Structures are given as structure tokens and as C-alpha cells.
Amino acid sequence: MSSTERHVLSRDTDLSKVCRVFKLDIPGTVYTVHVRELGLDEFDNLPKNLPEQLALMIVDENGQLQYTTPEDVERLKKLSLGVMRFIVTEVARLHGASPDAIEAAIKNYKPTPSADSVSA
């Protein structure tokens, strides 16, 4: 018997809290990241901006979002594109997205100017 308390899924359940959390080892680094499954509304309406997508995916081991402010999203822009791509690809796979759909989404990524950008 598991020591984890079990709850009944009912009409009164906060469905936004019913998701699985996965721990991913980031290849080529000493880092791991916890990601969560997305709700259907979140998955269907993912922002085009990769850092904003990551902010919806990266959680702590209890499923609590870690990047919740615009400043946090700006910080995520400092991650390498390879690491961003790995995390987004793995979360998409958790949701059954095809490799072609994942690749198309990554190819269509258009970075948005950051607040730190200087225009010429």
C-alpha cells in the first residue's frame, strides 16, 4: 500500500491540479527539470514564444509552476535553444504529439524582442 494519500476525482476537484509531473535529465548537463502535463486548454493555446511555453511547463516536484512573472519569462530566454527544444519536445511527446508536429512548431518559433534588447 502506498503512503501517498489518494483522492477521489469528483466534480468538486480542482482539475488544474490533476496532472502528472515528470523529472527529465537534460542531456549534456548536470541539470534535471520537473515538467508537468498541460491541460487541454493550455496545450491547444500554447503561446508561440518558447520561453512562455516553458513557463507553463516547468514546475517543482509538487507540480507548482516556477516561472510565473514576466521577469521569469525574460530569464528563461537565457536558456540555450537546445535545452528549450529538449524540454518542449519531451513535454509534447508526453501529450502524444508527432515528431513532425514538434519539429514544425520549433521551426516556426520566432523570438520576441526582450526588454533588454537594444534597437539599432
PDB file of N, CA and C in Angstrom:
ATOM      1  N   MET A   1       0.850  -1.185   0.000  1.00  0.00           N
ATOM      2  CA  MET A   1       0.000   0.000   0.000  1.00  0.00           C
ATOM      3  C   MET A   1       0.890   1.240   0.000  1.00  0.00           C
ATOM      4  N   SER A   2       0.554   2.189  -0.819  1.00  0.00           N
ATOM      5  CA  SER A   2       1.325   3.424  -0.955  1.00  0.00           C
ATOM      6  C   SER A   2       1.061   4.348   0.227  1.00  0.00           C
ATOM      7  N   SER A   3       2.103   5.081   0.623  1.00  0.00           N
ATOM      8  CA  SER A   3       1.928   6.037   1.716  1.00  0.00           C
ATOM      9  C   SER A   3       1.318   7.349   1.218  1.00  0.00           C
ATOM     10  N   THR A   4       1.175   7.488  -0.106  1.00  0.00           N
ATOM     11  CA  THR A   4       0.590   8.686  -0.682  1.00  0.00           C
ATOM     12  C   THR A   4      -0.921   8.651  -0.499  1.00  0.00           C
ATOM     13  N   GLU A   5      -1.449   9.730   0.032  1.00  0.00           N
ATOM     14  CA  GLU A   5      -2.898   9.813   0.226  1.00  0.00           C
ATOM     15  C   GLU A   5      -3.581   9.910  -1.127  1.00  0.00           C
ATOM     16  N   ARG A   6      -4.590   9.139  -1.354  1.00  0.00           N
ATOM     17  CA  ARG A   6      -5.322   9.120  -2.615  1.00  0.00           C
ATOM     18  C   ARG A   6      -6.587   9.956  -2.476  1.00  0.00           C
ATOM     19  N   HIS A   7      -6.979  10.606  -3.545  1.00  0.00           N
ATOM     20  CA  HIS A   7      -8.182  11.435  -3.561  1.00  0.00           C
ATOM     21  C   HIS A   7      -9.108  10.961  -4.671  1.00  0.00           C
ATOM     22  N   VAL A   8     -10.376  11.187  -4.476  1.00  0.00           N
ATOM     23  CA  VAL A   8     -11.363  10.824  -5.482  1.00  0.00           C
ATOM     24  C   VAL A   8     -11.539  11.999  -6.436  1.00  0.00           C
ATOM     25  N   LEU A   9     -11.453  11.719  -7.716  1.00  0.00           N
ATOM     26  CA  LEU A   9     -11.701  12.732  -8.736  1.00  0.00           C
ATOM     27  C   LEU A   9     -13.211  12.950  -8.803  1.00  0.00           C
ATOM     28  N   SER A  10     -13.640  14.163  -8.507  1.00  0.00           N
ATOM     29  CA  SER A  10     -15.072  14.452  -8.485  1.00  0.00           C
ATOM     30  C   SER A  10     -15.330  15.821  -9.106  1.00  0.00           C
ATOM     31  N   ARG A  11     -16.575  16.165  -9.163  1.00  0.00           N
ATOM     32  CA  ARG A  11     -16.978  17.457  -9.715  1.00  0.00           C
ATOM     33  C   ARG A  11     -16.355  18.622  -8.946  1.00  0.00           C
ATOM     34  N   ASP A  12     -16.074  18.423  -7.675  1.00  0.00           N
ATOM     35  CA  ASP A  12     -15.515  19.477  -6.833  1.00  0.00           C
ATOM     36  C   ASP A  12     -13.994  19.557  -6.882  1.00  0.00           C
ATOM     37  N   THR A  13     -13.367  18.643  -7.588  1.00  0.00           N
ATOM     38  CA  THR A  13     -11.913  18.612  -7.669  1.00  0.00           C
ATOM     39  C   THR A  13     -11.399  19.788  -8.502  1.00  0.00           C
ATOM     40  N   ASP A  14     -10.333  20.424  -8.034  1.00  0.00           N
ATOM     41  CA  ASP A  14      -9.661  21.462  -8.815  1.00  0.00           C
ATOM     42  C   ASP A  14      -8.867  20.732  -9.901  1.00  0.00           C
ATOM     43  N   LEU A  15      -9.440  20.644 -11.089  1.00  0.00           N
ATOM     44  CA  LEU A  15      -8.854  19.843 -12.162  1.00  0.00           C
ATOM     45  C   LEU A  15      -7.498  20.365 -12.631  1.00  0.00           C
ATOM     46  N   SER A  16      -7.212  21.632 -12.379  1.00  0.00           N
ATOM     47  CA  SER A  16      -5.909  22.167 -12.783  1.00  0.00           C
ATOM     48  C   SER A  16      -4.784  21.540 -11.966  1.00  0.00           C
ATOM     49  N   LYS A  17      -5.123  20.897 -10.852  1.00  0.00           N
ATOM     50  CA  LYS A  17      -4.111  20.271 -10.016  1.00  0.00           C
ATOM     51  C   LYS A  17      -3.967  18.773 -10.290  1.00  0.00           C
ATOM     52  N   VAL A  18      -4.762  18.250 -11.213  1.00  0.00           N
ATOM     53  CA  VAL A  18      -4.695  16.830 -11.539  1.00  0.00           C
ATOM     54  C   VAL A  18      -3.828  16.666 -12.787  1.00  0.00           C
ATOM     55  N   CYS A  19      -2.543  16.562 -12.542  1.00  0.00           N
ATOM     56  CA  CYS A  19      -1.605  16.351 -13.648  1.00  0.00           C
ATOM     57  C   CYS A  19      -0.412  15.574 -13.125  1.00  0.00           C
ATOM     58  N   ARG A  20       0.258  14.904 -14.038  1.00  0.00           N
ATOM     59  CA  ARG A  20       1.449  14.167 -13.654  1.00  0.00           C
ATOM     60  C   ARG A  20       2.667  15.065 -13.823  1.00  0.00           C
ATOM     61  N   VAL A  21       3.630  14.858 -12.950  1.00  0.00           N
ATOM     62  CA  VAL A  21       4.891  15.594 -13.004  1.00  0.00           C
ATOM     63  C   VAL A  21       5.982  14.597 -13.381  1.00  0.00           C
ATOM     64  N   PHE A  22       6.835  14.991 -14.301  1.00  0.00           N
ATOM     65  CA  PHE A  22       7.919  14.133 -14.768  1.00  0.00           C
ATOM     66  C   PHE A  22       9.259  14.818 -14.527  1.00  0.00           C
ATOM     67  N   LYS A  23      10.236  14.043 -14.128  1.00  0.00           N
ATOM     68  CA  LYS A  23      11.594  14.552 -13.939  1.00  0.00           C
ATOM     69  C   LYS A  23      12.406  14.161 -15.170  1.00  0.00           C
ATOM     70  N   LEU A  24      12.994  15.160 -15.814  1.00  0.00           N
ATOM     71  CA  LEU A  24      13.795  14.926 -17.016  1.00  0.00           C
ATOM     72  C   LEU A  24      15.249  15.285 -16.737  1.00  0.00           C
ATOM     73  N   ASP A  25      16.157  14.437 -17.144  1.00  0.00           N
ATOM     74  CA  ASP A  25      17.575  14.769 -17.112  1.00  0.00           C
ATOM     75  C   ASP A  25      17.896  15.487 -18.409  1.00  0.00           C
ATOM     76  N   ILE A  26      18.487  16.671 -18.313  1.00  0.00           N
ATOM     77  CA  ILE A  26      18.817  17.443 -19.506  1.00  0.00           C
ATOM     78  C   ILE A  26      20.140  16.916 -20.050  1.00  0.00           C
ATOM     79  N   PRO A  27      20.114  16.323 -21.255  1.00  0.00           N
ATOM     80  CA  PRO A  27      21.324  15.718 -21.811  1.00  0.00           C
ATOM     81  C   PRO A  27      22.478  16.716 -21.923  1.00  0.00           C
ATOM     82  N   GLY A  28      23.666  16.232 -21.612  1.00  0.00           N
ATOM     83  CA  GLY A  28      24.858  17.049 -21.745  1.00  0.00           C
ATOM     84  C   GLY A  28      25.062  18.064 -20.638  1.00  0.00           C
ATOM     85  N   THR A  29      24.214  18.013 -19.609  1.00  0.00           N
ATOM     86  CA  THR A  29      24.338  18.936 -18.475  1.00  0.00           C
ATOM     87  C   THR A  29      24.254  18.134 -17.179  1.00  0.00           C
ATOM     88  N   VAL A  30      24.444  18.808 -16.071  1.00  0.00           N
ATOM     89  CA  VAL A  30      24.275  18.175 -14.759  1.00  0.00           C
ATOM     90  C   VAL A  30      22.905  18.527 -14.168  1.00  0.00           C
ATOM     91  N   TYR A  31      22.006  19.038 -14.997  1.00  0.00           N
ATOM     92  CA  TYR A  31      20.713  19.530 -14.524  1.00  0.00           C
ATOM     93  C   TYR A  31      19.573  18.573 -14.839  1.00  0.00           C
ATOM     94  N   THR A  32      18.572  18.628 -13.969  1.00  0.00           N
ATOM     95  CA  THR A  32      17.299  17.970 -14.217  1.00  0.00           C
ATOM     96  C   THR A  32      16.231  19.053 -14.173  1.00  0.00           C
ATOM     97  N   VAL A  33      15.081  18.750 -14.714  1.00  0.00           N
ATOM     98  CA  VAL A  33      13.966  19.689 -14.694  1.00  0.00           C
ATOM     99  C   VAL A  33      12.692  18.883 -14.454  1.00  0.00           C
ATOM    100  N   HIS A  34      11.790  19.440 -13.678  1.00  0.00           N
ATOM    101  CA  HIS A  34      10.471  18.835 -13.491  1.00  0.00           C
ATOM    102  C   HIS A  34       9.514  19.548 -14.444  1.00  0.00           C
ATOM    103  N   VAL A  35       8.746  18.768 -15.176  1.00  0.00           N
ATOM    104  CA  VAL A  35       7.741  19.321 -16.081  1.00  0.00           C
ATOM    105  C   VAL A  35       6.409  18.672 -15.772  1.00  0.00           C
ATOM    106  N   ARG A  36       5.360  19.363 -16.155  1.00  0.00           N
ATOM    107  CA  ARG A  36       4.020  18.830 -15.894  1.00  0.00           C
ATOM    108  C   ARG A  36       3.275  18.640 -17.205  1.00  0.00           C
ATOM    109  N   GLU A  37       2.295  17.788 -17.146  1.00  0.00           N
ATOM    110  CA  GLU A  37       1.369  17.677 -18.272  1.00  0.00           C
ATOM    111  C   GLU A  37       0.549  18.958 -18.315  1.00  0.00           C
ATOM    112  N   LEU A  38       0.138  19.327 -19.492  1.00  0.00           N
ATOM    113  CA  LEU A  38      -0.691  20.519 -19.651  1.00  0.00           C
ATOM    114  C   LEU A  38      -2.143  20.124 -19.770  1.00  0.00           C
ATOM    115  N   GLY A  39      -3.030  21.022 -19.345  1.00  0.00           N
ATOM    116  CA  GLY A  39      -4.447  20.814 -19.580  1.00  0.00           C
ATOM    117  C   GLY A  39      -4.739  21.000 -21.059  1.00  0.00           C
ATOM    118  N   LEU A  40      -5.830  20.459 -21.522  1.00  0.00           N
ATOM    119  CA  LEU A  40      -6.180  20.555 -22.938  1.00  0.00           C
ATOM    120  C   LEU A  40      -6.256  22.007 -23.395  1.00  0.00           C
ATOM    121  N   ASP A  41      -6.829  22.880 -22.559  1.00  0.00           N
ATOM    122  CA  ASP A  41      -6.925  24.291 -22.946  1.00  0.00           C
ATOM    123  C   ASP A  41      -5.532  24.916 -23.060  1.00  0.00           C
ATOM    124  N   GLU A  42      -4.616  24.548 -22.168  1.00  0.00           N
ATOM    125  CA  GLU A  42      -3.249  25.070 -22.244  1.00  0.00           C
ATOM    126  C   GLU A  42      -2.526  24.531 -23.478  1.00  0.00           C
ATOM    127  N   PHE A  43      -2.670  23.240 -23.722  1.00  0.00           N
ATOM    128  CA  PHE A  43      -1.983  22.618 -24.855  1.00  0.00           C
ATOM    129  C   PHE A  43      -2.485  23.188 -26.181  1.00  0.00           C
ATOM    130  N   ASP A  44      -3.793  23.385 -26.281  1.00  0.00           N
ATOM    131  CA  ASP A  44      -4.375  23.919 -27.520  1.00  0.00           C
ATOM    132  C   ASP A  44      -4.040  25.386 -27.742  1.00  0.00           C
ATOM    133  N   ASN A  45      -3.702  26.103 -26.687  1.00  0.00           N
ATOM    134  CA  ASN A  45      -3.452  27.546 -26.788  1.00  0.00           C
ATOM    135  C   ASN A  45      -2.032  27.916 -26.365  1.00  0.00           C
ATOM    136  N   LEU A  46      -1.083  27.036 -26.639  1.00  0.00           N
ATOM    137  CA  LEU A  46       0.297  27.339 -26.271  1.00  0.00           C
ATOM    138  C   LEU A  46       0.749  28.609 -26.962  1.00  0.00           C
ATOM    139  N   PRO A  47       1.434  29.464 -26.236  1.00  0.00           N
ATOM    140  CA  PRO A  47       1.960  30.666 -26.877  1.00  0.00           C
ATOM    141  C   PRO A  47       2.999  30.276 -27.927  1.00  0.00           C
ATOM    142  N   LYS A  48       3.207  31.121 -28.913  1.00  0.00           N
ATOM    143  CA  LYS A  48       4.205  30.857 -29.956  1.00  0.00           C
ATOM    144  C   LYS A  48       5.617  31.034 -29.411  1.00  0.00           C
ATOM    145  N   ASN A  49       5.755  31.779 -28.344  1.00  0.00           N
ATOM    146  CA  ASN A  49       7.040  32.111 -27.760  1.00  0.00           C
ATOM    147  C   ASN A  49       7.526  30.946 -26.891  1.00  0.00           C
ATOM    148  N   LEU A  50       8.685  30.365 -27.216  1.00  0.00           N
ATOM    149  CA  LEU A  50       9.197  29.220 -26.458  1.00  0.00           C
ATOM    150  C   LEU A  50       9.380  29.506 -24.968  1.00  0.00           C
ATOM    151  N   PRO A  51       9.946  30.642 -24.576  1.00  0.00           N
ATOM    152  CA  PRO A  51      10.063  30.878 -23.127  1.00  0.00           C
ATOM    153  C   PRO A  51       8.707  30.917 -22.415  1.00  0.00           C
ATOM    154  N   GLU A  52       7.692  31.449 -23.064  1.00  0.00           N
ATOM    155  CA  GLU A  52       6.356  31.458 -22.452  1.00  0.00           C
ATOM    156  C   GLU A  52       5.812  30.038 -22.345  1.00  0.00           C
ATOM    157  N   GLN A  53       6.118  29.186 -23.341  1.00  0.00           N
ATOM    158  CA  GLN A  53       5.717  27.785 -23.260  1.00  0.00           C
ATOM    159  C   GLN A  53       6.395  27.113 -22.067  1.00  0.00           C
ATOM    160  N   LEU A  54       7.696  27.348 -21.939  1.00  0.00           N
ATOM    161  CA  LEU A  54       8.439  26.737 -20.835  1.00  0.00           C
ATOM    162  C   LEU A  54       7.881  27.157 -19.486  1.00  0.00           C
ATOM    163  N   ALA A  55       7.464  28.411 -19.370  1.00  0.00           N
ATOM    164  CA  ALA A  55       6.910  28.899 -18.106  1.00  0.00           C
ATOM    165  C   ALA A  55       5.662  28.116 -17.700  1.00  0.00           C
ATOM    166  N   LEU A  56       4.930  27.593 -18.678  1.00  0.00           N
ATOM    167  CA  LEU A  56       3.736  26.785 -18.387  1.00  0.00           C
ATOM    168  C   LEU A  56       4.079  25.338 -18.064  1.00  0.00           C
ATOM    169  N   MET A  57       5.306  24.925 -18.380  1.00  0.00           N
ATOM    170  CA  MET A  57       5.687  23.519 -18.258  1.00  0.00           C
ATOM    171  C   MET A  57       6.567  23.217 -17.056  1.00  0.00           C
ATOM    172  N   ILE A  58       7.469  24.126 -16.715  1.00  0.00           N
ATOM    173  CA  ILE A  58       8.458  23.846 -15.667  1.00  0.00           C
ATOM    174  C   ILE A  58       7.843  24.061 -14.287  1.00  0.00           C
ATOM    175  N   VAL A  59       7.935  23.012 -13.473  1.00  0.00           N
ATOM    176  CA  VAL A  59       7.342  23.020 -12.130  1.00  0.00           C
ATOM    177  C   VAL A  59       8.350  22.475 -11.128  1.00  0.00           C
ATOM    178  N   ASP A  60       7.991  22.558  -9.848  1.00  0.00           N
ATOM    179  CA  ASP A  60       8.797  21.869  -8.846  1.00  0.00           C
ATOM    180  C   ASP A  60       8.286  20.434  -8.735  1.00  0.00           C
ATOM    181  N   GLU A  61       8.867  19.657  -7.842  1.00  0.00           N
ATOM    182  CA  GLU A  61       8.485  18.244  -7.732  1.00  0.00           C
ATOM    183  C   GLU A  61       7.035  18.053  -7.298  1.00  0.00           C
ATOM    184  N   ASN A  62       6.392  19.125  -6.788  1.00  0.00           N
ATOM    185  CA  ASN A  62       4.989  19.043  -6.369  1.00  0.00           C
ATOM    186  C   ASN A  62       4.023  19.576  -7.423  1.00  0.00           C
ATOM    187  N   GLY A  63       4.562  19.978  -8.571  1.00  0.00           N
ATOM    188  CA  GLY A  63       3.702  20.453  -9.649  1.00  0.00           C
ATOM    189  C   GLY A  63       3.416  21.940  -9.633  1.00  0.00           C
ATOM    190  N   GLN A  64       4.099  22.700  -8.761  1.00  0.00           N
ATOM    191  CA  GLN A  64       3.872  24.142  -8.681  1.00  0.00           C
ATOM    192  C   GLN A  64       4.727  24.858  -9.731  1.00  0.00           C
ATOM    193  N   LEU A  65       4.096  25.732 -10.501  1.00  0.00           N
ATOM    194  CA  LEU A  65       4.825  26.495 -11.512  1.00  0.00           C
ATOM    195  C   LEU A  65       5.973  27.265 -10.877  1.00  0.00           C
ATOM    196  N   GLN A  66       7.094  27.341 -11.586  1.00  0.00           N
ATOM    197  CA  GLN A  66       8.280  28.005 -11.069  1.00  0.00           C
ATOM    198  C   GLN A  66       8.543  29.357 -11.720  1.00  0.00           C
ATOM    199  N   TYR A  67       8.044  29.562 -12.909  1.00  0.00           N
ATOM    200  CA  TYR A  67       8.287  30.804 -13.652  1.00  0.00           C
ATOM    201  C   TYR A  67       6.935  31.458 -13.909  1.00  0.00           C
ATOM    202  N   THR A  68       6.564  32.405 -13.041  1.00  0.00           N
ATOM    203  CA  THR A  68       5.189  32.909 -13.068  1.00  0.00           C
ATOM    204  C   THR A  68       5.058  34.389 -13.408  1.00  0.00           C
ATOM    205  N   THR A  69       6.175  35.088 -13.540  1.00  0.00           N
ATOM    206  CA  THR A  69       6.107  36.522 -13.807  1.00  0.00           C
ATOM    207  C   THR A  69       6.739  36.839 -15.159  1.00  0.00           C
ATOM    208  N   PRO A  70       6.444  38.005 -15.714  1.00  0.00           N
ATOM    209  CA  PRO A  70       7.109  38.408 -16.961  1.00  0.00           C
ATOM    210  C   PRO A  70       8.641  38.422 -16.816  1.00  0.00           C
ATOM    211  N   GLU A  71       9.135  38.767 -15.647  1.00  0.00           N
ATOM    212  CA  GLU A  71      10.581  38.760 -15.412  1.00  0.00           C
ATOM    213  C   GLU A  71      11.134  37.344 -15.481  1.00  0.00           C
ATOM    214  N   ASP A  72      10.355  36.384 -14.971  1.00  0.00           N
ATOM    215  CA  ASP A  72      10.768  34.981 -15.049  1.00  0.00           C
ATOM    216  C   ASP A  72      10.871  34.526 -16.500  1.00  0.00           C
ATOM    217  N   VAL A  73       9.907  34.929 -17.322  1.00  0.00           N
ATOM    218  CA  VAL A  73       9.931  34.560 -18.741  1.00  0.00           C
ATOM    219  C   VAL A  73      11.167  35.162 -19.402  1.00  0.00           C
ATOM    220  N   GLU A  74      11.502  36.390 -19.045  1.00  0.00           N
ATOM    221  CA  GLU A  74      12.719  37.011 -19.573  1.00  0.00           C
ATOM    222  C   GLU A  74      13.952  36.193 -19.192  1.00  0.00           C
ATOM    223  N   ARG A  75      13.994  35.707 -17.958  1.00  0.00           N
ATOM    224  CA  ARG A  75      15.123  34.883 -17.508  1.00  0.00           C
ATOM    225  C   ARG A  75      15.209  33.596 -18.306  1.00  0.00           C
ATOM    226  N   LEU A  76      14.065  33.009 -18.655  1.00  0.00           N
ATOM    227  CA  LEU A  76      14.072  31.770 -19.432  1.00  0.00           C
ATOM    228  C   LEU A  76      14.692  31.961 -20.813  1.00  0.00           C
ATOM    229  N   LYS A  77      14.670  33.183 -21.327  1.00  0.00           N
ATOM    230  CA  LYS A  77      15.265  33.456 -22.636  1.00  0.00           C
ATOM    231  C   LYS A  77      16.775  33.249 -22.631  1.00  0.00           C
ATOM    232  N   LYS A  78      17.367  33.159 -21.452  1.00  0.00           N
ATOM    233  CA  LYS A  78      18.803  32.940 -21.347  1.00  0.00           C
ATOM    234  C   LYS A  78      19.183  31.459 -21.509  1.00  0.00           C
ATOM    235  N   LEU A  79      18.191  30.565 -21.435  1.00  0.00           N
ATOM    236  CA  LEU A  79      18.453  29.143 -21.667  1.00  0.00           C
ATOM    237  C   LEU A  79      18.893  28.938 -23.115  1.00  0.00           C
ATOM    238  N   SER A  80      19.745  27.973 -23.342  1.00  0.00           N
ATOM    239  CA  SER A  80      20.140  27.687 -24.721  1.00  0.00           C
ATOM    240  C   SER A  80      18.926  27.170 -25.499  1.00  0.00           C
ATOM    241  N   LEU A  81      18.925  27.424 -26.780  1.00  0.00           N
ATOM    242  CA  LEU A  81      17.829  26.955 -27.628  1.00  0.00           C
ATOM    243  C   LEU A  81      17.759  25.432 -27.610  1.00  0.00           C
ATOM    244  N   GLY A  82      18.924  24.778 -27.497  1.00  0.00           N
ATOM    245  CA  GLY A  82      18.943  23.314 -27.432  1.00  0.00           C
ATOM    246  C   GLY A  82      18.216  22.783 -26.204  1.00  0.00           C
ATOM    247  N   VAL A  83      18.419  23.424 -25.059  1.00  0.00           N
ATOM    248  CA  VAL A  83      17.738  22.996 -23.828  1.00  0.00           C
ATOM    249  C   VAL A  83      16.249  23.294 -23.934  1.00  0.00           C
ATOM    250  N   MET A  84      15.899  24.480 -24.450  1.00  0.00           N
ATOM    251  CA  MET A  84      14.475  24.804 -24.645  1.00  0.00           C
ATOM    252  C   MET A  84      13.818  23.751 -25.530  1.00  0.00           C
ATOM    253  N   ARG A  85      14.490  23.459 -26.631  1.00  0.00           N
ATOM    254  CA  ARG A  85      13.956  22.496 -27.598  1.00  0.00           C
ATOM    255  C   ARG A  85      13.766  21.131 -26.939  1.00  0.00           C
ATOM    256  N   PHE A  86      14.734  20.689 -26.143  1.00  0.00           N
ATOM    257  CA  PHE A  86      14.628  19.399 -25.464  1.00  0.00           C
ATOM    258  C   PHE A  86      13.397  19.359 -24.564  1.00  0.00           C
ATOM    259  N   ILE A  87      13.231  20.380 -23.728  1.00  0.00           N
ATOM    260  CA  ILE A  87      12.110  20.384 -22.779  1.00  0.00           C
ATOM    261  C   ILE A  87      10.776  20.404 -23.511  1.00  0.00           C
ATOM    262  N   VAL A  88      10.635  21.305 -24.486  1.00  0.00           N
ATOM    263  CA  VAL A  88       9.369  21.410 -25.218  1.00  0.00           C
ATOM    264  C   VAL A  88       9.077  20.103 -25.969  1.00  0.00           C
ATOM    265  N   THR A  89      10.101  19.506 -26.564  1.00  0.00           N
ATOM    266  CA  THR A  89       9.924  18.252 -27.298  1.00  0.00           C
ATOM    267  C   THR A  89       9.463  17.141 -26.370  1.00  0.00           C
ATOM    268  N   GLU A  90      10.077  17.040 -25.201  1.00  0.00           N
ATOM    269  CA  GLU A  90       9.695  15.985 -24.260  1.00  0.00           C
ATOM    270  C   GLU A  90       8.267  16.175 -23.755  1.00  0.00           C
ATOM    271  N   VAL A  91       7.882  17.404 -23.454  1.00  0.00           N
ATOM    272  CA  VAL A  91       6.510  17.647 -23.000  1.00  0.00           C
ATOM    273  C   VAL A  91       5.523  17.337 -24.126  1.00  0.00           C
ATOM    274  N   ALA A  92       5.858  17.720 -25.349  1.00  0.00           N
ATOM    275  CA  ALA A  92       4.974  17.408 -26.483  1.00  0.00           C
ATOM    276  C   ALA A  92       4.820  15.898 -26.648  1.00  0.00           C
ATOM    277  N   ARG A  93       5.911  15.164 -26.468  1.00  0.00           N
ATOM    278  CA  ARG A  93       5.839  13.690 -26.560  1.00  0.00           C
ATOM    279  C   ARG A  93       4.926  13.122 -25.478  1.00  0.00           C
ATOM    280  N   LEU A  94       4.966  13.712 -24.277  1.00  0.00           N
ATOM    281  CA  LEU A  94       4.082  13.253 -23.201  1.00  0.00           C
ATOM    282  C   LEU A  94       2.620  13.378 -23.609  1.00  0.00           C
ATOM    283  N   HIS A  95       2.335  14.337 -24.475  1.00  0.00           N
ATOM    284  CA  HIS A  95       0.968  14.584 -24.923  1.00  0.00           C
ATOM    285  C   HIS A  95       0.641  13.884 -26.231  1.00  0.00           C
ATOM    286  N   GLY A  96       1.569  13.084 -26.740  1.00  0.00           N
ATOM    287  CA  GLY A  96       1.300  12.305 -27.942  1.00  0.00           C
ATOM    288  C   GLY A  96       1.477  13.058 -29.240  1.00  0.00           C
ATOM    289  N   ALA A  97       2.155  14.205 -29.205  1.00  0.00           N
ATOM    290  CA  ALA A  97       2.394  14.951 -30.450  1.00  0.00           C
ATOM    291  C   ALA A  97       3.378  14.170 -31.315  1.00  0.00           C
ATOM    292  N   SER A  98       3.158  14.218 -32.608  1.00  0.00           N
ATOM    293  CA  SER A  98       4.039  13.510 -33.532  1.00  0.00           C
ATOM    294  C   SER A  98       5.365  14.256 -33.656  1.00  0.00           C
ATOM    295  N   PRO A  99       6.429  13.533 -33.979  1.00  0.00           N
ATOM    296  CA  PRO A  99       7.720  14.205 -34.182  1.00  0.00           C
ATOM    297  C   PRO A  99       7.653  15.303 -35.250  1.00  0.00           C
ATOM    298  N   ASP A 100       6.857  15.102 -36.312  1.00  0.00           N
ATOM    299  CA  ASP A 100       6.718  16.124 -37.358  1.00  0.00           C
ATOM    300  C   ASP A 100       6.062  17.390 -36.817  1.00  0.00           C
ATOM    301  N   ALA A 101       5.038  17.227 -35.994  1.00  0.00           N
ATOM    302  CA  ALA A 101       4.349  18.382 -35.422  1.00  0.00           C
ATOM    303  C   ALA A 101       5.281  19.142 -34.488  1.00  0.00           C
ATOM    304  N   ILE A 102       6.081  18.406 -33.731  1.00  0.00           N
ATOM    305  CA  ILE A 102       7.032  19.045 -32.820  1.00  0.00           C
ATOM    306  C   ILE A 102       8.055  19.838 -33.625  1.00  0.00           C
ATOM    307  N   GLU A 103       8.597  19.211 -34.663  1.00  0.00           N
ATOM    308  CA  GLU A 103       9.613  19.875 -35.487  1.00  0.00           C
ATOM    309  C   GLU A 103       9.041  21.113 -36.158  1.00  0.00           C
ATOM    310  N   ALA A 104       7.810  21.044 -36.645  1.00  0.00           N
ATOM    311  CA  ALA A 104       7.176  22.205 -37.295  1.00  0.00           C
ATOM    312  C   ALA A 104       7.011  23.350 -36.303  1.00  0.00           C
ATOM    313  N   ALA A 105       6.621  23.033 -35.083  1.00  0.00           N
ATOM    314  CA  ALA A 105       6.440  24.079 -34.064  1.00  0.00           C
ATOM    315  C   ALA A 105       7.770  24.744 -33.744  1.00  0.00           C
ATOM    316  N   ILE A 106       8.819  23.956 -33.658  1.00  0.00           N
ATOM    317  CA  ILE A 106      10.131  24.518 -33.354  1.00  0.00           C
ATOM    318  C   ILE A 106      10.633  25.369 -34.513  1.00  0.00           C
ATOM    319  N   LYS A 107      10.425  24.906 -35.741  1.00  0.00           N
ATOM    320  CA  LYS A 107      10.850  25.685 -36.912  1.00  0.00           C
ATOM    321  C   LYS A 107      10.103  27.005 -37.016  1.00  0.00           C
ATOM    322  N   ASN A 108       8.852  27.028 -36.562  1.00  0.00           N
ATOM    323  CA  ASN A 108       8.040  28.243 -36.633  1.00  0.00           C
ATOM    324  C   ASN A 108       8.301  29.204 -35.491  1.00  0.00           C
ATOM    325  N   TYR A 109       9.185  28.832 -34.572  1.00  0.00           N
ATOM    326  CA  TYR A 109       9.500  29.692 -33.429  1.00  0.00           C
ATOM    327  C   TYR A 109      10.099  30.999 -33.915  1.00  0.00           C
ATOM    328  N   LYS A 110       9.523  32.082 -33.460  1.00  0.00           N
ATOM    329  CA  LYS A 110      10.025  33.418 -33.752  1.00  0.00           C
ATOM    330  C   LYS A 110      10.314  34.088 -32.425  1.00  0.00           C
ATOM    331  N   PRO A 111      11.592  34.346 -32.122  1.00  0.00           N
ATOM    332  CA  PRO A 111      11.889  35.006 -30.846  1.00  0.00           C
ATOM    333  C   PRO A 111      11.229  36.375 -30.784  1.00  0.00           C
ATOM    334  N   THR A 112      10.776  36.726 -29.609  1.00  0.00           N
ATOM    335  CA  THR A 112      10.230  38.063 -29.414  1.00  0.00           C
ATOM    336  C   THR A 112      11.323  38.917 -28.797  1.00  0.00           C
ATOM    337  N   PRO A 113      11.360  40.185 -29.115  1.00  0.00           N
ATOM    338  CA  PRO A 113      12.387  41.045 -28.534  1.00  0.00           C
ATOM    339  C   PRO A 113      12.271  41.067 -27.021  1.00  0.00           C
ATOM    340  N   SER A 114      13.405  41.000 -26.346  1.00  0.00           N
ATOM    341  CA  SER A 114      13.377  41.046 -24.890  1.00  0.00           C
ATOM    342  C   SER A 114      13.434  42.501 -24.429  1.00  0.00           C
ATOM    343  N   ALA A 115      13.117  42.712 -23.184  1.00  0.00           N
ATOM    344  CA  ALA A 115      13.152  44.050 -22.627  1.00  0.00           C
ATOM    345  C   ALA A 115      14.586  44.592 -22.618  1.00  0.00           C
ATOM    346  N   ASP A 116      15.563  43.666 -22.635  1.00  0.00           N
ATOM    347  CA  ASP A 116      16.968  44.061 -22.621  1.00  0.00           C
ATOM    348  C   ASP A 116      17.508  44.377 -24.012  1.00  0.00           C
ATOM    349  N   SER A 117      16.719  44.069 -25.054  1.00  0.00           N
ATOM    350  CA  SER A 117      17.193  44.299 -26.431  1.00  0.00           C
ATOM    351  C   SER A 117      17.353  45.770 -26.710  1.00  0.00           C
ATOM    352  N   VAL A 118      18.345  46.068 -27.494  1.00  0.00           N
ATOM    353  CA  VAL A 118      18.580  47.452 -27.892  1.00  0.00           C
ATOM    354  C   VAL A 118      18.316  47.554 -29.380  1.00  0.00           C
ATOM    355  N   SER A 119      17.476  48.498 -29.787  1.00  0.00           N
ATOM    356  CA  SER A 119      17.204  48.652 -31.223  1.00  0.00           C
ATOM    357  C   SER A 119      18.278  49.535 -31.835  1.00  0.00           C
ATOM    358  N   ALA A 120      18.569  49.202 -33.089  1.00  0.00           N
ATOM    359  CA  ALA A 120      19.584  49.969 -33.811  1.00  0.00           C
ATOM    360  C   ALA A 120      18.967  51.140 -34.518  1.00  0.00           C
TER     361      ALA A 120
END
